[in-house]
Amino acid sequence: MDKVYSFIVDKPGVRLDKYVCDRLIELSRTRIQKLIAEGYITVNDHVVKAGLKLNTGDRLRVTVPPPPPRPVVAIDKPAGLTVHPAPGHPAHTLVNAIISHFPHLAAISDSLRPGIVHRLDRDTSGVMVVAKNSLAQAKLAEQFKTRSVVKAYLVLVKGRLTPENGIIEAPIGRDPRNRKRMAVVAGGRQARTDYQVVKYIGDYTLVEVMPETGRTHQIRVHFSAVGYPVVGDKVYGVKSPFLLRQFLHASRLGFKLPSTGEYKEFKSELPPDLVQALKDIA
């Protein structure tokens, strides 16, 4: 439902947008200027411009429509949660939880992956985005396809990683010796991983990793291939007495909202088990 406010100007010479901003502090100046441009704010029943200088006695009417429903939802996935049903994991997945909250999603797109435009490994924690309708899902999928989405992970690797910032570029495909694993292989799919060292902790390195591509197990495979395996990773990395799972956390995710094109970035803090692991190795 719209909220409507009325004001009688008692101080002349003030710009319209500033006057409204001073009285409705819950609204940003940008939002107020947009409301003026769209005709939701009038002066003496006339649509005017944001820079209009007001006169004493002017009558302002401000109509604030409710925000449109968000077509996406950002979630903070815990480690141990599988994203979508698969052999061996038919239930208790993120998709099951999503459908319980948004039943209409069961009817859109892929019935096994409704709203899902990307995924995190079961033992990877952090921020994910889920589309709440088919149009939003298509627009988000296109952003992932064109690599315009900003993805950043916090990763702990074994060893003192050098140089402190760099790029790992190596093709990834099925490991010819074990088809259940991925590996750097000739003829694999192009894969590129940017990284920046956050800090050194003894014989470990905390790294912010920004994969430009999204190959299966890309971060884990790339760092293993260059000799700095992910701590706690039982498949490609090194086991750790401090962790029951891999130290891999999706910390930032940025993309353009499907509804407005506005860039938004969502963040996820390190969960308690990873915070504790950093304390244990210090």
Protein backbone atom coordinates (compact mmCIF):
# COMPACT_ATOMS: atom_id res chain seq x y z
CA MET A 1 0.00 0.00 0.00
CA ASP A 2 1.22 3.51 -0.86
CA LYS A 3 2.33 5.83 1.93
CA VAL A 4 1.20 9.43 1.43
CA TYR A 5 2.67 12.50 3.16
CA SER A 6 1.57 16.14 2.95
CA PHE A 7 3.62 19.21 3.82
CA ILE A 8 3.10 22.98 3.78
CA VAL A 9 6.36 24.78 3.07
CA ASP A 10 7.38 27.18 5.83
CA LYS A 11 10.87 28.02 4.59
CA PRO A 12 11.32 29.53 1.10
CA GLY A 13 14.23 29.02 -1.27
CA VAL A 14 14.94 25.35 -0.51
CA ARG A 15 15.23 22.82 -3.34
CA LEU A 16 12.35 20.37 -3.52
CA ASP A 17 14.52 17.25 -3.23
CA LYS A 18 16.43 18.65 -0.24
CA TYR A 19 13.21 19.71 1.50
CA VAL A 20 11.71 16.22 1.20
CA CYS A 21 15.01 14.57 2.15
CA ASP A 22 15.17 16.60 5.38
CA ARG A 23 11.64 15.54 6.35
CA LEU A 24 11.66 11.90 5.24
CA ILE A 25 15.06 10.78 6.49
CA GLU A 26 14.26 7.12 5.82
CA LEU A 27 14.43 7.83 2.07
CA SER A 28 17.71 8.43 0.26
CA ARG A 29 18.12 11.52 -1.89
CA THR A 30 18.48 9.29 -4.94
CA ARG A 31 15.16 7.59 -4.17
CA ILE A 32 13.47 10.98 -3.66
CA GLN A 33 14.79 12.29 -6.96
CA LYS A 34 13.46 9.19 -8.69
CA LEU A 35 10.04 9.66 -7.07
CA ILE A 36 9.98 13.27 -8.26
CA ALA A 37 10.95 12.24 -11.82
CA GLU A 38 8.18 9.62 -11.85
CA GLY A 39 5.54 12.11 -10.66
CA TYR A 40 5.06 10.71 -7.16
CA ILE A 41 5.95 14.06 -5.56
CA THR A 42 3.94 17.13 -6.57
CA VAL A 43 3.94 20.81 -5.63
CA ASN A 44 0.55 22.50 -5.63
CA ASP A 45 -0.77 19.46 -7.53
CA HIS A 46 1.78 19.87 -10.32
CA VAL A 47 4.58 17.56 -11.38
CA VAL A 48 7.84 19.50 -11.15
CA LYS A 49 11.62 18.99 -11.22
CA ALA A 50 13.84 18.09 -8.26
CA GLY A 51 15.69 21.41 -8.38
CA LEU A 52 12.58 23.57 -8.03
CA LYS A 53 13.02 26.28 -5.36
CA LEU A 54 10.05 26.20 -3.00
CA ASN A 55 8.00 29.15 -1.77
CA THR A 56 6.33 29.65 1.60
CA GLY A 57 2.87 28.09 1.53
CA ASP A 58 3.58 25.61 -1.27
CA ARG A 59 1.64 22.37 -0.82
CA LEU A 60 3.68 19.18 -1.20
CA ARG A 61 2.20 15.74 -1.68
CA VAL A 62 4.62 12.82 -1.44
CA THR A 63 3.45 9.37 -2.46
CA VAL A 64 5.82 6.49 -1.66
CA PRO A 65 4.81 3.26 -3.40
CA PRO A 66 5.84 -0.04 -1.82
CA PRO A 67 9.10 -1.44 -3.19
CA PRO A 68 8.63 -4.04 -5.93
CA PRO A 69 9.05 -7.64 -4.81
CA ARG A 70 12.64 -8.74 -5.13
CA PRO A 71 13.06 -11.29 -7.91
CA VAL A 72 16.09 -12.82 -6.19
CA VAL A 73 17.05 -13.91 -2.71
CA ALA A 74 20.59 -14.13 -1.35
CA ILE A 75 21.23 -16.97 1.05
CA ASP A 76 24.09 -17.98 3.33
CA LYS A 77 24.64 -21.68 2.66
CA PRO A 78 26.15 -23.71 5.51
CA ALA A 79 28.76 -26.37 4.89
CA GLY A 80 27.34 -29.87 4.60
CA LEU A 81 24.25 -28.83 2.66
CA THR A 82 23.91 -30.21 -0.87
CA VAL A 83 22.47 -27.69 -3.32
CA HIS A 84 20.17 -29.90 -5.37
CA PRO A 85 18.94 -33.52 -5.36
CA ALA A 86 21.34 -36.03 -6.85
CA PRO A 87 21.97 -39.77 -6.60
CA GLY A 88 22.60 -40.43 -2.92
CA HIS A 89 21.07 -37.11 -1.88
CA PRO A 90 17.40 -37.17 -2.92
CA ALA A 91 16.22 -34.98 -0.04
CA HIS A 92 17.38 -32.51 2.63
CA THR A 93 18.94 -30.26 -0.03
CA LEU A 94 18.89 -26.51 -0.57
CA VAL A 95 16.35 -26.98 -3.37
CA ASN A 96 13.99 -28.79 -0.98
CA ALA A 97 14.25 -25.87 1.45
CA ILE A 98 13.69 -23.31 -1.32
CA ILE A 99 10.53 -25.03 -2.55
CA SER A 100 9.16 -25.19 0.99
CA HIS A 101 9.45 -21.38 1.21
CA PHE A 102 8.55 -20.58 -2.42
CA PRO A 103 6.24 -23.38 -3.64
CA HIS A 104 5.60 -21.66 -7.00
CA LEU A 105 9.22 -22.28 -8.00
CA ALA A 106 8.49 -25.98 -8.41
CA ALA A 107 6.66 -25.12 -11.63
CA ILE A 108 9.41 -23.04 -13.28
CA SER A 109 12.42 -24.07 -15.30
CA ASP A 110 14.20 -27.29 -14.32
CA SER A 111 12.04 -29.05 -11.75
CA LEU A 112 15.18 -30.48 -10.11
CA ARG A 113 16.94 -27.12 -9.85
CA PRO A 114 14.24 -24.44 -9.57
CA GLY A 115 15.72 -20.98 -9.10
CA ILE A 116 19.29 -22.33 -9.08
CA VAL A 117 21.70 -20.44 -11.33
CA HIS A 118 24.98 -21.53 -9.73
CA ARG A 119 26.08 -23.93 -7.03
CA LEU A 120 28.56 -24.44 -4.23
CA ASP A 121 30.08 -27.80 -3.31
CA ARG A 122 28.41 -29.56 -0.38
CA ASP A 123 31.26 -28.75 1.99
CA THR A 124 31.70 -25.16 0.78
CA SER A 125 29.90 -22.47 2.78
CA GLY A 126 28.90 -18.95 1.83
CA VAL A 127 26.71 -16.67 -0.19
CA MET A 128 24.52 -17.87 -3.05
CA VAL A 129 21.74 -16.25 -5.07
CA VAL A 130 18.43 -17.92 -5.94
CA ALA A 131 16.00 -16.61 -8.56
CA LYS A 132 12.35 -16.34 -7.53
CA ASN A 133 10.90 -16.45 -11.06
CA SER A 134 11.84 -17.76 -14.49
CA LEU A 135 12.69 -14.34 -15.97
CA ALA A 136 15.07 -13.53 -13.11
CA GLN A 137 16.61 -16.98 -13.44
CA ALA A 138 17.27 -16.44 -17.16
CA LYS A 139 18.81 -12.99 -16.61
CA LEU A 140 21.05 -14.22 -13.81
CA ALA A 141 22.10 -17.27 -15.81
CA GLU A 142 23.16 -14.96 -18.64
CA GLN A 143 25.33 -12.93 -16.25
CA PHE A 144 27.06 -16.10 -15.07
CA LYS A 145 27.49 -17.22 -18.68
CA THR A 146 29.11 -13.92 -19.71
CA ARG A 147 31.28 -13.89 -16.55
CA SER A 148 30.00 -10.50 -15.41
CA VAL A 149 29.24 -11.82 -11.91
CA VAL A 150 31.79 -10.93 -9.20
CA LYS A 151 32.67 -14.02 -7.14
CA ALA A 152 35.15 -14.02 -4.27
CA TYR A 153 36.13 -16.81 -1.88
CA LEU A 154 38.26 -16.96 1.24
CA VAL A 155 40.53 -19.99 1.06
CA LEU A 156 43.23 -21.37 3.35
CA VAL A 157 46.05 -23.16 1.55
CA LYS A 158 49.04 -25.09 2.85
CA GLY A 159 52.35 -23.29 2.35
CA ARG A 160 53.36 -19.64 1.91
CA LEU A 161 51.82 -18.79 -1.42
CA THR A 162 53.95 -16.66 -3.74
CA PRO A 163 53.65 -14.32 -5.52
CA GLU A 164 51.20 -12.48 -3.28
CA ASN A 165 48.80 -11.87 -6.16
CA GLY A 166 48.54 -13.66 -9.42
CA ILE A 167 46.56 -15.74 -11.88
CA ILE A 168 46.37 -19.50 -12.25
CA GLU A 169 45.36 -20.42 -15.77
CA ALA A 170 45.18 -24.11 -16.64
CA PRO A 171 42.57 -26.28 -18.41
CA ILE A 172 40.40 -28.54 -16.24
CA GLY A 173 38.75 -31.82 -17.20
CA ARG A 174 38.05 -35.30 -15.85
CA ASP A 175 41.06 -36.98 -14.32
CA PRO A 176 41.90 -39.81 -16.75
CA ARG A 177 43.07 -41.94 -13.80
CA ASN A 178 39.93 -41.38 -11.73
CA ARG A 179 36.76 -40.23 -13.48
CA LYS A 180 35.23 -39.09 -10.18
CA ARG A 181 37.92 -36.42 -9.84
CA MET A 182 38.80 -33.33 -11.85
CA ALA A 183 42.36 -32.42 -12.84
CA VAL A 184 44.47 -30.08 -14.91
CA VAL A 185 44.56 -31.92 -18.24
CA ALA A 186 45.53 -31.13 -21.81
CA GLY A 187 42.36 -30.59 -23.79
CA GLY A 188 40.33 -29.67 -20.71
CA ARG A 189 38.06 -26.63 -20.50
CA GLN A 190 39.74 -23.26 -20.14
CA ALA A 191 39.87 -22.17 -16.50
CA ARG A 192 41.24 -19.01 -14.92
CA THR A 193 41.59 -18.15 -11.21
CA ASP A 194 42.75 -14.77 -9.85
CA TYR A 195 43.98 -14.55 -6.27
CA GLN A 196 45.29 -12.09 -3.69
CA VAL A 197 47.04 -13.10 -0.46
CA VAL A 198 45.17 -11.81 2.60
CA LYS A 199 47.77 -12.86 5.17
CA TYR A 200 50.33 -15.50 6.04
CA ILE A 201 49.73 -17.59 9.16
CA GLY A 202 52.76 -19.72 9.93
CA ASP A 203 53.09 -22.24 7.11
CA TYR A 204 49.60 -21.42 5.79
CA THR A 205 48.19 -18.67 3.57
CA LEU A 206 44.73 -17.11 3.72
CA VAL A 207 43.82 -16.09 0.20
CA GLU A 208 40.99 -14.18 -1.48
CA VAL A 209 40.26 -16.06 -4.67
CA MET A 210 38.27 -14.72 -7.62
CA PRO A 211 37.57 -17.41 -10.21
CA GLU A 212 36.79 -15.94 -13.61
CA THR A 213 35.42 -19.24 -14.87
CA GLY A 214 33.26 -21.72 -13.01
CA ARG A 215 34.65 -25.18 -13.64
CA THR A 216 33.83 -28.05 -11.31
CA HIS A 217 36.13 -27.94 -8.24
CA GLN A 218 38.15 -25.21 -10.00
CA ILE A 219 39.70 -23.53 -6.95
CA ARG A 220 40.61 -26.81 -5.29
CA VAL A 221 42.12 -28.27 -8.47
CA HIS A 222 44.08 -25.15 -9.42
CA PHE A 223 45.71 -24.60 -6.04
CA SER A 224 46.56 -28.27 -5.74
CA ALA A 225 48.14 -28.16 -9.20
CA VAL A 226 50.49 -25.29 -8.26
CA GLY A 227 51.55 -26.91 -5.01
CA TYR A 228 49.41 -25.05 -2.48
CA PRO A 229 46.54 -27.45 -1.66
CA VAL A 230 43.38 -26.30 0.11
CA VAL A 231 43.45 -27.15 3.81
CA GLY A 232 40.89 -29.74 4.88
CA ASP A 233 40.19 -30.86 1.31
CA LYS A 234 40.17 -34.67 1.43
CA VAL A 235 40.16 -35.07 -2.38
CA TYR A 236 42.66 -32.57 -3.80
CA GLY A 237 44.15 -30.94 -0.72
CA VAL A 238 45.59 -31.85 2.65
CA LYS A 239 43.78 -33.18 5.70
CA SER A 240 43.83 -31.04 8.81
CA PRO A 241 43.40 -31.83 12.52
CA PHE A 242 41.67 -28.42 12.82
CA LEU A 243 38.95 -28.95 10.24
CA LEU A 244 36.29 -31.51 9.34
CA ARG A 245 35.84 -29.99 5.87
CA GLN A 246 37.67 -27.88 3.30
CA PHE A 247 38.52 -24.26 4.14
CA LEU A 248 36.59 -22.76 1.24
CA HIS A 249 34.04 -20.00 1.81
CA ALA A 250 32.10 -17.91 -0.73
CA SER A 251 32.54 -14.49 0.88
CA ARG A 252 31.26 -12.08 -1.80
CA LEU A 253 28.85 -12.25 -4.71
CA GLY A 254 28.01 -9.26 -6.91
CA PHE A 255 25.64 -9.01 -9.87
CA LYS A 256 23.07 -6.75 -11.52
CA LEU A 257 19.55 -7.13 -10.16
CA PRO A 258 17.33 -8.64 -12.89
CA SER A 259 14.55 -6.14 -12.14
CA THR A 260 16.48 -2.85 -12.27
CA GLY A 261 19.97 -3.54 -13.59
CA GLU A 262 21.39 -2.04 -10.38
CA TYR A 263 24.64 -3.67 -9.22
CA LYS A 264 24.37 -5.28 -5.78
CA GLU A 265 27.00 -7.10 -3.77
CA PHE A 266 26.23 -9.55 -0.99
CA LYS A 267 28.72 -10.70 1.64
CA SER A 268 29.03 -13.63 4.02
CA GLU A 269 31.27 -13.63 7.09
CA LEU A 270 33.48 -16.62 7.88
CA PRO A 271 31.46 -19.23 9.82
CA PRO A 272 32.56 -20.27 13.33
CA ASP A 273 34.38 -23.46 12.28
CA LEU A 274 36.66 -21.58 9.89
CA VAL A 275 37.25 -18.75 12.37
CA GLN A 276 38.26 -21.34 14.95
CA ALA A 277 40.59 -23.06 12.48
CA LEU A 278 42.46 -19.79 11.94
CA LYS A 279 42.87 -19.43 15.70
CA ASP A 280 44.11 -23.01 16.04
CA ILE A 281 46.89 -22.65 13.45
CA ALA A 282 48.06 -19.22 14.63
